[in-house]
C-alpha cells in the first residue's frame, strides 16, 4: 500500500498486522527511513512515488492487492498521479486495486476533490483489474472543522448540511477488513456514519459534555472568507474550504450507509467520542 507513513494508511497497516503475517504486507513510501518501524517488524518496505512510475511498479512487485491512498499534493496533476499509480499496479500484476476515495464522489459538485475521485474511479473501472473504491466520510483535525469552540463557546462557520465525520481509525479498520475478507467488495463502498450529522449537532453535543453552552452561529459565506483571509489564510484555501460547506448544504453528503458498522462489527466512533478525544 501507499501512504503507509501517513495517519490513515499507517493505521490500516496496523490493523492488517492484527490479521496477516508481516511478510505478507508491503508498503510503498517516498522515504523508507520513515518506515523503519515497519521494516523492523518484518513488513516489506520499498521506495515509491506517484511521480516515479518505475519505482512505483517495482514497489508493487508480487502484490496481489494494492491499496492506493489519494494524493494530497495540491500543486500536482492529481488525476495524472492516480492514473500512473493504477498503471503501475496493473503492470505489476495486481489482482485487485483499492483506492481511498470520498463519500459523495461525482462530477457535478461544488467540492473539487469529488470530481478528482470520480475521474480516478472511472480510470479504475477501465483498468481491466478488479477494483474497490473506499468512499470515506470526512475526517481530520476537529479544530479545523469546528474552530476554537472551547475558548469562544461558539462554532462560527458558514451554513452547512448533513455529512459524516468519521474516525480514521475506524475507516482504516474497515479497509483492513475488506482487504482480508473472504468476500471481495467490487466497485465503490460508502464508509460513513449510520446517520449523518451537522455542525448544530456538534454544538449540542459540545454543550452537553463541556458544561457550558456552545452556540452554532451561521456566518455569511463572503464574511467568513474575509475573516479567514484576515486571520492569515490564503484566499484560495479559504474558498476551497467554503466549497465543502456549500456541498454539505446542497445534500451531497446526506446519505447514510450501514457498511462501516457492519465491517467494524460495532457502531463507528460518534461525535461525542471525537469531542472527548477517545
Protein backbone atom coordinates (compact mmCIF):
# COMPACT_ATOMS: atom_id res chain seq x y z
CA UNK A 1 0.00 0.00 0.00
CA UNK A 2 0.97 3.62 -0.44
CA UNK A 3 0.77 6.31 2.22
CA UNK A 4 1.84 3.94 4.98
CA UNK A 5 3.71 6.67 6.85
CA UNK A 6 0.58 8.81 6.94
CA UNK A 7 -2.19 8.70 9.52
CA UNK A 8 -4.84 6.84 7.50
CA UNK A 9 -2.89 4.06 5.81
CA UNK A 10 -0.48 3.91 8.73
CA UNK A 11 -3.48 2.86 10.80
CA UNK A 12 -4.52 0.43 8.05
CA UNK A 13 -1.13 -1.29 8.22
CA UNK A 14 -1.50 -1.66 11.99
CA UNK A 15 -4.92 -3.25 11.58
CA UNK A 16 -3.60 -5.58 8.86
CA UNK A 17 -0.84 -6.70 11.20
CA UNK A 18 -3.58 -7.93 13.55
CA UNK A 19 -4.71 -10.40 10.88
CA UNK A 20 -1.84 -11.03 8.46
CA UNK A 21 1.81 -12.07 8.99
CA UNK A 22 4.09 -9.07 8.40
CA UNK A 23 5.88 -10.75 5.50
CA UNK A 24 2.55 -10.69 3.61
CA UNK A 25 2.42 -6.90 3.78
CA UNK A 26 4.39 -4.46 1.63
CA UNK A 27 4.43 -0.68 1.66
CA UNK A 28 5.49 1.83 -0.96
CA UNK A 29 6.80 5.05 0.58
CA UNK A 30 8.64 8.13 -0.65
CA UNK A 31 11.10 7.97 2.24
CA UNK A 32 11.88 4.44 3.52
CA UNK A 33 13.70 5.92 6.52
CA UNK A 34 10.30 6.99 7.83
CA UNK A 35 9.06 3.39 7.68
CA UNK A 36 11.79 1.68 9.73
CA UNK A 37 9.19 0.98 12.42
CA UNK A 38 7.53 -1.27 9.84
CA UNK A 39 10.60 -2.88 8.30
CA UNK A 40 11.83 -3.79 11.79
CA UNK A 41 8.59 -5.74 12.26
CA UNK A 42 9.01 -7.66 9.01
CA UNK A 43 6.94 -5.53 6.62
CA UNK A 44 8.46 -5.16 3.15
CA UNK A 45 9.38 -1.51 2.62
CA UNK A 46 10.25 -0.17 -0.82
CA UNK A 47 10.70 3.32 -2.21
CA UNK A 48 7.89 4.51 -4.45
CA UNK A 49 6.34 7.78 -5.55
CA UNK A 50 3.37 8.73 -7.71
CA UNK A 51 5.84 10.87 -9.67
CA UNK A 52 8.19 7.92 -10.36
CA UNK A 53 6.23 5.18 -12.16
CA UNK A 54 9.21 2.82 -12.49
CA UNK A 55 9.95 2.88 -8.76
CA UNK A 56 6.26 2.56 -8.03
CA UNK A 57 5.92 -0.50 -10.26
CA UNK A 58 8.95 -2.10 -8.58
CA UNK A 59 7.49 -1.41 -5.14
CA UNK A 60 4.26 -3.19 -6.15
CA UNK A 61 6.02 -6.35 -7.42
CA UNK A 62 4.29 -9.58 -6.29
CA UNK A 63 1.37 -7.74 -4.69
CA UNK A 64 -1.97 -9.49 -5.02
CA UNK A 65 -3.81 -6.38 -3.83
CA UNK A 66 -2.65 -2.76 -3.95
CA UNK A 67 -4.20 -0.06 -1.78
CA UNK A 68 -3.63 3.44 -3.15
CA UNK A 69 -4.15 6.47 -0.94
CA UNK A 70 -5.34 9.52 -2.85
CA UNK A 71 -2.64 12.12 -3.49
CA UNK A 72 -2.53 15.17 -1.24
CA UNK A 73 -0.18 17.16 -3.50
CA UNK A 74 -2.30 20.20 -4.32
CA UNK A 75 0.33 21.50 -6.76
CA UNK A 76 0.32 18.34 -8.90
CA UNK A 77 -1.85 16.83 -11.62
CA UNK A 78 -3.55 14.60 -9.07
CA UNK A 79 -5.62 12.61 -11.55
CA UNK A 80 -2.46 12.04 -13.57
CA UNK A 81 -0.69 10.80 -10.45
CA UNK A 82 -3.53 8.42 -9.70
CA UNK A 83 -3.53 7.10 -13.26
CA UNK A 84 0.23 6.48 -13.06
CA UNK A 85 -0.25 4.57 -9.80
CA UNK A 86 -3.06 2.47 -11.27
CA UNK A 87 -0.98 1.72 -14.37
CA UNK A 88 1.94 0.67 -12.14
CA UNK A 89 -0.30 -1.68 -10.14
CA UNK A 90 -1.70 -3.22 -13.33
CA UNK A 91 1.81 -3.63 -14.78
CA UNK A 92 2.99 -5.27 -11.56
CA UNK A 93 0.25 -7.88 -11.89
CA UNK A 94 -2.05 -6.82 -9.05
CA UNK A 95 -5.29 -8.77 -8.99
CA UNK A 96 -7.22 -6.01 -7.21
CA UNK A 97 -6.65 -2.29 -6.73
CA UNK A 98 -8.22 -0.47 -3.80
CA UNK A 99 -8.38 3.32 -3.63
CA UNK A 100 -9.21 5.76 -0.83
CA UNK A 101 -11.95 7.86 -2.36
CA UNK A 102 -14.58 10.03 -0.67
CA UNK A 103 -18.25 9.86 0.15
CA UNK A 104 -20.33 11.82 -2.35
CA UNK A 105 -17.93 11.30 -5.24
CA UNK A 106 -19.35 12.65 -8.50
CA UNK A 107 -18.55 15.23 -11.17
CA UNK A 108 -21.35 17.76 -10.60
CA UNK A 109 -20.34 19.10 -7.20
CA UNK A 110 -19.08 22.37 -5.74
CA UNK A 111 -16.35 20.48 -3.83
CA UNK A 112 -13.42 19.95 -6.26
CA UNK A 113 -11.89 16.74 -4.77
CA UNK A 114 -15.04 14.78 -5.58
CA UNK A 115 -14.54 15.25 -9.32
CA UNK A 116 -10.92 14.09 -8.95
CA UNK A 117 -12.14 10.95 -7.20
CA UNK A 118 -14.79 10.41 -9.87
CA UNK A 119 -12.17 10.60 -12.64
CA UNK A 120 -9.94 8.18 -10.73
CA UNK A 121 -12.78 5.72 -10.23
CA UNK A 122 -13.57 5.87 -13.95
CA UNK A 123 -9.94 5.04 -14.72
CA UNK A 124 -10.04 2.15 -12.25
CA UNK A 125 -13.19 0.81 -13.88
CA UNK A 126 -11.44 0.86 -17.27
CA UNK A 127 -8.21 -0.72 -15.96
CA UNK A 128 -9.27 -4.31 -16.55
CA UNK A 129 -8.43 -5.20 -12.94
CA UNK A 130 -10.89 -5.82 -10.10
CA UNK A 131 -11.20 -2.66 -8.02
CA UNK A 132 -12.65 -1.29 -4.81
CA UNK A 133 -13.22 2.36 -4.03
CA UNK A 134 -13.29 3.16 -0.31
CA UNK A 135 -15.56 6.20 -0.19
CA UNK A 136 -14.68 7.51 3.26
CA UNK A 137 -16.58 10.18 5.12
CA UNK A 138 -14.82 13.36 6.17
CA UNK A 139 -12.03 13.10 8.74
CA UNK A 140 -9.21 15.24 10.08
CA UNK A 141 -8.40 17.61 12.90
CA UNK A 142 -11.60 18.53 14.72
CA UNK A 143 -10.38 22.06 15.46
CA UNK A 144 -10.16 22.73 11.73
CA UNK A 145 -13.81 21.76 11.38
CA UNK A 146 -15.22 23.50 14.46
CA UNK A 147 -12.79 26.32 15.23
CA UNK A 148 -11.82 27.30 18.81
CA UNK A 149 -15.19 26.45 20.33
CA UNK A 150 -13.79 25.69 23.79
CA UNK A 151 -12.34 29.18 24.06
CA UNK A 152 -15.21 31.08 22.42
CA UNK A 153 -18.28 28.97 23.18
CA UNK A 154 -19.22 29.37 19.52
CA UNK A 155 -18.99 27.29 16.35
CA UNK A 156 -18.98 30.09 13.79
CA UNK A 157 -18.93 28.68 10.29
CA UNK A 158 -20.84 29.05 7.00
CA UNK A 159 -24.20 27.34 6.64
CA UNK A 160 -23.81 23.58 6.41
CA UNK A 161 -25.87 20.46 5.87
CA UNK A 162 -25.67 16.80 6.93
CA UNK A 163 -22.37 14.98 6.50
CA UNK A 164 -20.39 12.10 8.02
CA UNK A 165 -17.40 12.85 10.24
CA UNK A 166 -15.58 9.55 10.69
CA UNK A 167 -12.55 8.48 12.65
CA UNK A 168 -9.53 7.47 10.58
CA UNK A 169 -9.01 4.52 12.90
CA UNK A 170 -12.48 3.24 12.00
CA UNK A 171 -12.13 3.55 8.23
CA UNK A 172 -8.63 2.05 8.46
CA UNK A 173 -10.05 -0.93 10.35
CA UNK A 174 -12.77 -1.25 7.72
CA UNK A 175 -10.20 -1.15 4.91
CA UNK A 176 -8.22 -3.91 6.57
CA UNK A 177 -11.40 -5.98 6.94
CA UNK A 178 -12.15 -5.56 3.25
CA UNK A 179 -8.60 -6.49 2.21
CA UNK A 180 -8.56 -9.63 4.33
CA UNK A 181 -12.22 -10.57 3.90
CA UNK A 182 -13.38 -13.69 2.11
CA UNK A 183 -15.99 -11.82 0.07
CA UNK A 184 -14.42 -9.12 -2.12
CA UNK A 185 -16.06 -5.72 -2.47
CA UNK A 186 -16.36 -4.67 -6.10
CA UNK A 187 -16.68 -1.01 -7.03
CA UNK A 188 -17.46 1.78 -4.56
CA UNK A 189 -18.43 1.29 -0.92
CA UNK A 190 -19.54 4.15 1.35
CA UNK A 191 -17.76 4.14 4.72
CA UNK A 192 -19.87 6.66 6.61
CA UNK A 193 -21.87 7.10 9.79
CA UNK A 194 -25.20 5.29 10.24
CA UNK A 195 -26.76 8.76 10.44
CA UNK A 196 -25.16 11.99 9.17
CA UNK A 197 -24.54 14.94 11.49
CA UNK A 198 -24.45 18.73 11.26
CA UNK A 199 -22.46 21.43 12.99
CA UNK A 200 -25.57 22.11 15.08
CA UNK A 201 -25.28 18.53 16.33
CA UNK A 202 -21.65 19.17 17.24
CA UNK A 203 -22.67 22.34 19.12
CA UNK A 204 -25.40 20.49 21.02
CA UNK A 205 -23.10 17.62 21.96
CA UNK A 206 -20.29 20.00 22.90
CA UNK A 207 -22.69 21.81 25.23
CA UNK A 208 -23.61 18.54 26.93
CA UNK A 209 -20.07 17.36 27.56
CA UNK A 210 -18.41 20.72 28.34
CA UNK A 211 -20.80 22.07 30.94
CA UNK A 212 -21.30 25.36 29.12
CA UNK A 213 -23.47 26.45 26.22
CA UNK A 214 -21.88 26.18 22.80
CA UNK A 215 -23.73 28.15 20.14
CA UNK A 216 -23.84 27.35 16.45
CA UNK A 217 -23.53 30.66 14.60
CA UNK A 218 -24.02 30.75 10.83
CA UNK A 219 -21.66 33.19 9.12
CA UNK A 220 -22.32 34.61 5.66
CA UNK A 221 -20.06 33.00 3.05
CA UNK A 222 -18.28 36.18 1.97
CA UNK A 223 -17.94 37.40 5.53
CA UNK A 224 -16.41 34.07 6.58
CA UNK A 225 -13.93 34.10 3.70
CA UNK A 226 -12.95 37.68 4.60
CA UNK A 227 -12.40 36.67 8.23
CA UNK A 228 -10.26 33.73 7.20
CA UNK A 229 -8.12 35.91 4.94
CA UNK A 230 -7.74 38.49 7.71
CA UNK A 231 -6.53 35.69 10.01
CA UNK A 232 -3.82 34.74 7.51
CA UNK A 233 -5.48 32.01 5.46
CA UNK A 234 -4.70 32.30 1.74
CA UNK A 235 -7.85 33.16 -0.19
CA UNK A 236 -7.75 30.03 -2.42
CA UNK A 237 -7.57 27.86 0.70
CA UNK A 238 -10.48 29.70 2.32
CA UNK A 239 -12.64 29.36 -0.79
CA UNK A 240 -11.71 25.69 -1.13
CA UNK A 241 -12.89 25.10 2.47
CA UNK A 242 -16.05 27.09 1.76
CA UNK A 243 -16.83 24.73 -1.12
CA UNK A 244 -17.04 21.87 1.38
CA UNK A 245 -19.73 23.70 3.37
CA UNK A 246 -21.56 24.52 0.14
CA UNK A 247 -21.53 20.86 -0.85
CA UNK A 248 -22.89 19.74 2.53
CA UNK A 249 -25.81 22.15 2.40
CA UNK A 250 -26.73 21.06 -1.13
CA UNK A 251 -27.11 17.50 0.13
CA UNK A 252 -24.00 15.90 -1.37
CA UNK A 253 -23.15 14.06 1.85
CA UNK A 254 -26.58 13.43 3.36
CA UNK A 255 -26.77 9.70 2.54
CA UNK A 256 -26.12 7.12 5.25
CA UNK A 257 -24.96 3.53 4.87
CA UNK A 258 -24.62 0.59 7.28
CA UNK A 259 -21.45 -0.79 5.62
CA UNK A 260 -18.96 0.77 8.04
CA UNK A 261 -20.84 -0.51 11.10
CA UNK A 262 -21.11 -3.97 9.53
CA UNK A 263 -17.39 -4.14 8.75
CA UNK A 264 -16.46 -2.98 12.25
CA UNK A 265 -18.99 -5.21 13.98
CA UNK A 266 -19.93 -2.20 16.12
CA UNK A 267 -21.02 1.40 15.80
CA UNK A 268 -18.38 3.78 14.45
CA UNK A 269 -16.98 6.36 16.86
CA UNK A 270 -19.54 9.11 17.41
CA UNK A 271 -19.20 12.88 17.56
CA UNK A 272 -19.21 12.50 21.34
CA UNK A 273 -16.15 10.27 21.04
CA UNK A 274 -14.47 12.84 18.81
CA UNK A 275 -15.19 15.74 21.15
CA UNK A 276 -13.91 13.74 24.12
CA UNK A 277 -10.81 12.71 22.19
CA UNK A 278 -11.30 9.00 22.57
